Amino acid sequence: MRLNSFYKTAAIALGFAALMGAQQQMTPTLTVAPVPTVKAQKGAVAVVSLRAVLPPGFHANSNTPSDAYLIPLSLKWTGGPLEADGITYPKGTMEKYSFSDKPLSVVTGEFTITTKFKVPASAATGASAQNGTLRYQACNDRMCFAPKTLNVSLSLNIE
């Protein structure tokens, strides 16, 4: 009797694990195309664009979401020799989804986020990196998935 109960519990646990694995595989992932090495002059300005892509059928809130509780698209530069001096996000489009009473400001498909950097005159010459994070929450027409934070990195050559 106990052995039969053990097998039932194990089967339920395996079924749950398989369901969770399938759910994780269905979770949409935003991808960012690699950026070629950025050549930056000391004391100048460098402009860098990140090209991001969401899978078809999915969207993310824009950086200016329609409601305060929605998680915005957000790029933060967290380390490196450059000083971020402005980030330009794609303009969100207003779209209506079944889970919301009003249209939402979202981004879909391929879009670009551009950062203007100041290159300090005191920056060390040579190879370096600029690191950051891109936070987003992907949704489809029925539901939203857990927010994700994607690490981004730029290879630099400071002259």
C-alpha atoms as a PDB file:
ATOM      1  CA  MET A   1       0.000   0.000   0.000  1.00  0.00           C
ATOM      2  CA  ARG A   2       2.783   2.445   0.908  1.00  0.00           C
ATOM      3  CA  LEU A   3       4.724   1.631  -2.246  1.00  0.00           C
ATOM      4  CA  ASN A   4       1.675   2.410  -4.418  1.00  0.00           C
ATOM      5  CA  SER A   5       1.311   5.798  -2.646  1.00  0.00           C
ATOM      6  CA  PHE A   6       5.012   6.495  -3.266  1.00  0.00           C
ATOM      7  CA  TYR A   7       4.593   5.884  -7.009  1.00  0.00           C
ATOM      8  CA  LYS A   8       1.556   8.169  -7.171  1.00  0.00           C
ATOM      9  CA  THR A   9       3.459  10.945  -5.390  1.00  0.00           C
ATOM     10  CA  ALA A  10       6.460  10.461  -7.690  1.00  0.00           C
ATOM     11  CA  ALA A  11       4.235  10.557 -10.788  1.00  0.00           C
ATOM     12  CA  ILE A  12       2.595  13.783  -9.620  1.00  0.00           C
ATOM     13  CA  ALA A  13       6.010  15.346  -8.912  1.00  0.00           C
ATOM     14  CA  LEU A  14       7.342  14.329 -12.329  1.00  0.00           C
ATOM     15  CA  GLY A  15       4.229  15.667 -14.045  1.00  0.00           C
ATOM     16  CA  PHE A  16       4.605  18.981 -12.214  1.00  0.00           C
ATOM     17  CA  ALA A  17       8.298  19.187 -13.140  1.00  0.00           C
ATOM     18  CA  ALA A  18       7.451  18.510 -16.795  1.00  0.00           C
ATOM     19  CA  LEU A  19       4.748  21.202 -16.723  1.00  0.00           C
ATOM     20  CA  MET A  20       7.164  23.722 -15.201  1.00  0.00           C
ATOM     21  CA  GLY A  21       9.800  22.842 -17.795  1.00  0.00           C
ATOM     22  CA  ALA A  22       7.278  23.330 -20.602  1.00  0.00           C
ATOM     23  CA  GLN A  23       6.217  26.678 -19.078  1.00  0.00           C
ATOM     24  CA  GLN A  24       9.843  27.857 -18.978  1.00  0.00           C
ATOM     25  CA  GLN A  25      10.336  26.850 -22.612  1.00  0.00           C
ATOM     26  CA  MET A  26       7.251  28.879 -23.585  1.00  0.00           C
ATOM     27  CA  THR A  27       8.478  31.986 -21.740  1.00  0.00           C
ATOM     28  CA  PRO A  28       9.451  34.544 -24.392  1.00  0.00           C
ATOM     29  CA  THR A  29      12.969  35.904 -24.347  1.00  0.00           C
ATOM     30  CA  LEU A  30      14.026  39.290 -25.638  1.00  0.00           C
ATOM     31  CA  THR A  31      17.326  39.068 -27.518  1.00  0.00           C
ATOM     32  CA  VAL A  32      19.859  41.830 -28.108  1.00  0.00           C
ATOM     33  CA  ALA A  33      22.101  41.671 -31.168  1.00  0.00           C
ATOM     34  CA  PRO A  34      25.838  41.911 -30.505  1.00  0.00           C
ATOM     35  CA  VAL A  35      27.242  45.410 -30.988  1.00  0.00           C
ATOM     36  CA  PRO A  36      30.559  45.766 -32.851  1.00  0.00           C
ATOM     37  CA  THR A  37      33.418  47.199 -30.796  1.00  0.00           C
ATOM     38  CA  VAL A  38      32.704  50.844 -30.066  1.00  0.00           C
ATOM     39  CA  LYS A  39      35.562  53.183 -30.972  1.00  0.00           C
ATOM     40  CA  ALA A  40      35.444  56.216 -28.697  1.00  0.00           C
ATOM     41  CA  GLN A  41      37.597  59.330 -28.600  1.00  0.00           C
ATOM     42  CA  LYS A  42      38.564  60.813 -25.222  1.00  0.00           C
ATOM     43  CA  GLY A  43      36.560  63.957 -24.511  1.00  0.00           C
ATOM     44  CA  ALA A  44      34.036  63.178 -27.249  1.00  0.00           C
ATOM     45  CA  VAL A  45      30.552  61.696 -27.446  1.00  0.00           C
ATOM     46  CA  ALA A  46      29.788  58.121 -28.504  1.00  0.00           C
ATOM     47  CA  VAL A  47      26.322  57.025 -29.607  1.00  0.00           C
ATOM     48  CA  VAL A  48      25.486  53.338 -29.325  1.00  0.00           C
ATOM     49  CA  SER A  49      22.320  51.566 -30.440  1.00  0.00           C
ATOM     50  CA  LEU A  50      21.129  48.225 -29.095  1.00  0.00           C
ATOM     51  CA  ARG A  51      18.908  46.269 -31.480  1.00  0.00           C
ATOM     52  CA  ALA A  52      16.440  44.157 -29.499  1.00  0.00           C
ATOM     53  CA  VAL A  53      13.926  41.595 -30.743  1.00  0.00           C
ATOM     54  CA  LEU A  54      10.849  40.024 -29.139  1.00  0.00           C
ATOM     55  CA  PRO A  55       9.416  36.827 -30.651  1.00  0.00           C
ATOM     56  CA  PRO A  56       6.274  37.157 -32.818  1.00  0.00           C
ATOM     57  CA  GLY A  57       3.077  37.325 -30.800  1.00  0.00           C
ATOM     58  CA  PHE A  58       4.715  38.935 -27.769  1.00  0.00           C
ATOM     59  CA  HIS A  59       5.081  42.489 -26.544  1.00  0.00           C
ATOM     60  CA  ALA A  60       6.760  44.324 -23.655  1.00  0.00           C
ATOM     61  CA  ASN A  61       5.626  47.464 -21.912  1.00  0.00           C
ATOM     62  CA  SER A  62       7.290  50.578 -23.282  1.00  0.00           C
ATOM     63  CA  ASN A  63       9.548  52.665 -21.043  1.00  0.00           C
ATOM     64  CA  THR A  64       6.438  54.776 -20.306  1.00  0.00           C
ATOM     65  CA  PRO A  65       3.793  52.167 -19.464  1.00  0.00           C
ATOM     66  CA  SER A  66       0.107  53.068 -19.388  1.00  0.00           C
ATOM     67  CA  ASP A  67      -0.334  52.216 -15.697  1.00  0.00           C
ATOM     68  CA  ALA A  68       1.987  52.698 -12.716  1.00  0.00           C
ATOM     69  CA  TYR A  69       1.846  48.991 -11.786  1.00  0.00           C
ATOM     70  CA  LEU A  70       3.203  47.866 -15.188  1.00  0.00           C
ATOM     71  CA  ILE A  71       6.923  47.111 -15.455  1.00  0.00           C
ATOM     72  CA  PRO A  72       8.637  49.486 -17.898  1.00  0.00           C
ATOM     73  CA  LEU A  73      11.330  48.651 -20.427  1.00  0.00           C
ATOM     74  CA  SER A  74      14.448  49.953 -18.662  1.00  0.00           C
ATOM     75  CA  LEU A  75      18.122  50.118 -19.676  1.00  0.00           C
ATOM     76  CA  LYS A  76      20.670  50.950 -16.966  1.00  0.00           C
ATOM     77  CA  TRP A  77      24.399  51.244 -17.510  1.00  0.00           C
ATOM     78  CA  THR A  78      26.032  49.914 -14.356  1.00  0.00           C
ATOM     79  CA  GLY A  79      29.764  50.033 -14.969  1.00  0.00           C
ATOM     80  CA  GLY A  80      32.497  51.082 -17.351  1.00  0.00           C
ATOM     81  CA  PRO A  81      34.507  54.154 -18.302  1.00  0.00           C
ATOM     82  CA  LEU A  82      31.749  55.954 -20.226  1.00  0.00           C
ATOM     83  CA  GLU A  83      29.078  58.241 -18.736  1.00  0.00           C
ATOM     84  CA  ALA A  84      25.538  57.719 -20.022  1.00  0.00           C
ATOM     85  CA  ASP A  85      24.156  61.104 -21.098  1.00  0.00           C
ATOM     86  CA  GLY A  86      20.715  60.098 -22.297  1.00  0.00           C
ATOM     87  CA  ILE A  87      18.840  57.017 -23.406  1.00  0.00           C
ATOM     88  CA  THR A  88      16.317  57.079 -26.244  1.00  0.00           C
ATOM     89  CA  TYR A  89      13.724  54.321 -26.195  1.00  0.00           C
ATOM     90  CA  PRO A  90      11.442  53.316 -29.047  1.00  0.00           C
ATOM     91  CA  LYS A  91       8.087  55.046 -29.073  1.00  0.00           C
ATOM     92  CA  GLY A  92       5.448  52.719 -27.662  1.00  0.00           C
ATOM     93  CA  THR A  93       2.353  51.916 -29.680  1.00  0.00           C
ATOM     94  CA  MET A  94      -1.055  51.809 -28.027  1.00  0.00           C
ATOM     95  CA  GLU A  95      -2.549  48.321 -28.306  1.00  0.00           C
ATOM     96  CA  LYS A  96      -5.611  46.720 -26.721  1.00  0.00           C
ATOM     97  CA  TYR A  97      -5.362  43.263 -25.138  1.00  0.00           C
ATOM     98  CA  SER A  98      -8.026  41.013 -23.627  1.00  0.00           C
ATOM     99  CA  PHE A  99      -6.533  41.222 -20.125  1.00  0.00           C
ATOM    100  CA  SER A 100      -6.712  45.040 -19.924  1.00  0.00           C
ATOM    101  CA  ASP A 101      -9.662  47.436 -19.973  1.00  0.00           C
ATOM    102  CA  LYS A 102      -7.671  50.099 -21.794  1.00  0.00           C
ATOM    103  CA  PRO A 103      -4.949  50.170 -24.471  1.00  0.00           C
ATOM    104  CA  LEU A 104      -1.367  49.690 -23.311  1.00  0.00           C
ATOM    105  CA  SER A 105       1.840  51.400 -24.469  1.00  0.00           C
ATOM    106  CA  VAL A 106       3.985  48.529 -25.772  1.00  0.00           C
ATOM    107  CA  VAL A 107       6.908  47.621 -28.015  1.00  0.00           C
ATOM    108  CA  THR A 108       6.831  44.607 -30.335  1.00  0.00           C
ATOM    109  CA  GLY A 109       9.072  42.841 -32.821  1.00  0.00           C
ATOM    110  CA  GLU A 110      12.421  44.518 -33.477  1.00  0.00           C
ATOM    111  CA  PHE A 111      13.236  47.856 -31.861  1.00  0.00           C
ATOM    112  CA  THR A 112      16.255  50.000 -30.998  1.00  0.00           C
ATOM    113  CA  ILE A 113      17.383  51.616 -27.753  1.00  0.00           C
ATOM    114  CA  THR A 114      20.054  54.292 -28.231  1.00  0.00           C
ATOM    115  CA  THR A 115      22.427  55.640 -25.589  1.00  0.00           C
ATOM    116  CA  LYS A 116      24.476  58.802 -25.870  1.00  0.00           C
ATOM    117  CA  PHE A 117      27.703  58.466 -23.863  1.00  0.00           C
ATOM    118  CA  LYS A 118      30.246  61.069 -22.797  1.00  0.00           C
ATOM    119  CA  VAL A 119      33.786  59.801 -23.051  1.00  0.00           C
ATOM    120  CA  PRO A 120      35.759  61.367 -20.189  1.00  0.00           C
ATOM    121  CA  ALA A 121      39.025  63.026 -21.183  1.00  0.00           C
ATOM    122  CA  SER A 122      40.606  61.080 -18.316  1.00  0.00           C
ATOM    123  CA  ALA A 123      39.443  57.663 -19.608  1.00  0.00           C
ATOM    124  CA  ALA A 124      42.194  55.074 -19.950  1.00  0.00           C
ATOM    125  CA  THR A 125      43.292  54.436 -23.538  1.00  0.00           C
ATOM    126  CA  GLY A 126      42.750  50.958 -24.943  1.00  0.00           C
ATOM    127  CA  ALA A 127      40.289  48.123 -24.665  1.00  0.00           C
ATOM    128  CA  SER A 128      37.540  48.247 -22.077  1.00  0.00           C
ATOM    129  CA  ALA A 129      33.903  47.304 -21.545  1.00  0.00           C
ATOM    130  CA  GLN A 130      30.679  49.063 -20.613  1.00  0.00           C
ATOM    131  CA  ASN A 131      28.144  46.913 -18.766  1.00  0.00           C
ATOM    132  CA  GLY A 132      24.462  47.295 -18.126  1.00  0.00           C
ATOM    133  CA  THR A 133      21.112  45.613 -17.655  1.00  0.00           C
ATOM    134  CA  LEU A 134      17.939  45.653 -19.703  1.00  0.00           C
ATOM    135  CA  ARG A 135      14.778  44.901 -17.710  1.00  0.00           C
ATOM    136  CA  TYR A 136      11.498  44.012 -19.388  1.00  0.00           C
ATOM    137  CA  GLN A 137       8.300  42.056 -18.962  1.00  0.00           C
ATOM    138  CA  ALA A 138       7.093  40.083 -21.954  1.00  0.00           C
ATOM    139  CA  CYS A 139       3.399  39.387 -22.477  1.00  0.00           C
ATOM    140  CA  ASN A 140       1.166  37.830 -25.105  1.00  0.00           C
ATOM    141  CA  ASP A 141      -2.492  38.620 -25.785  1.00  0.00           C
ATOM    142  CA  ARG A 142      -3.656  36.610 -22.744  1.00  0.00           C
ATOM    143  CA  MET A 143      -1.046  36.966 -19.996  1.00  0.00           C
ATOM    144  CA  CYS A 144       2.225  38.459 -18.816  1.00  0.00           C
ATOM    145  CA  PHE A 145       5.282  36.468 -17.835  1.00  0.00           C
ATOM    146  CA  ALA A 146       7.673  37.093 -14.955  1.00  0.00           C
ATOM    147  CA  PRO A 147       9.923  40.141 -15.511  1.00  0.00           C
ATOM    148  CA  LYS A 148      13.447  39.413 -16.727  1.00  0.00           C
ATOM    149  CA  THR A 149      16.721  41.285 -16.528  1.00  0.00           C
ATOM    150  CA  LEU A 150      19.169  40.771 -19.371  1.00  0.00           C
ATOM    151  CA  ASN A 151      22.862  41.617 -18.985  1.00  0.00           C
ATOM    152  CA  VAL A 152      24.284  43.717 -21.816  1.00  0.00           C
ATOM    153  CA  SER A 153      27.901  44.548 -22.509  1.00  0.00           C
ATOM    154  CA  LEU A 154      29.732  46.735 -25.002  1.00  0.00           C
ATOM    155  CA  SER A 155      33.324  46.207 -26.049  1.00  0.00           C
ATOM    156  CA  LEU A 156      35.140  49.536 -26.222  1.00  0.00           C
ATOM    157  CA  ASN A 157      38.345  50.824 -27.739  1.00  0.00           C
ATOM    158  CA  ILE A 158      39.144  54.229 -26.275  1.00  0.00           C
ATOM    159  CA  GLU A 159      41.586  56.332 -28.294  1.00  0.00           C
END
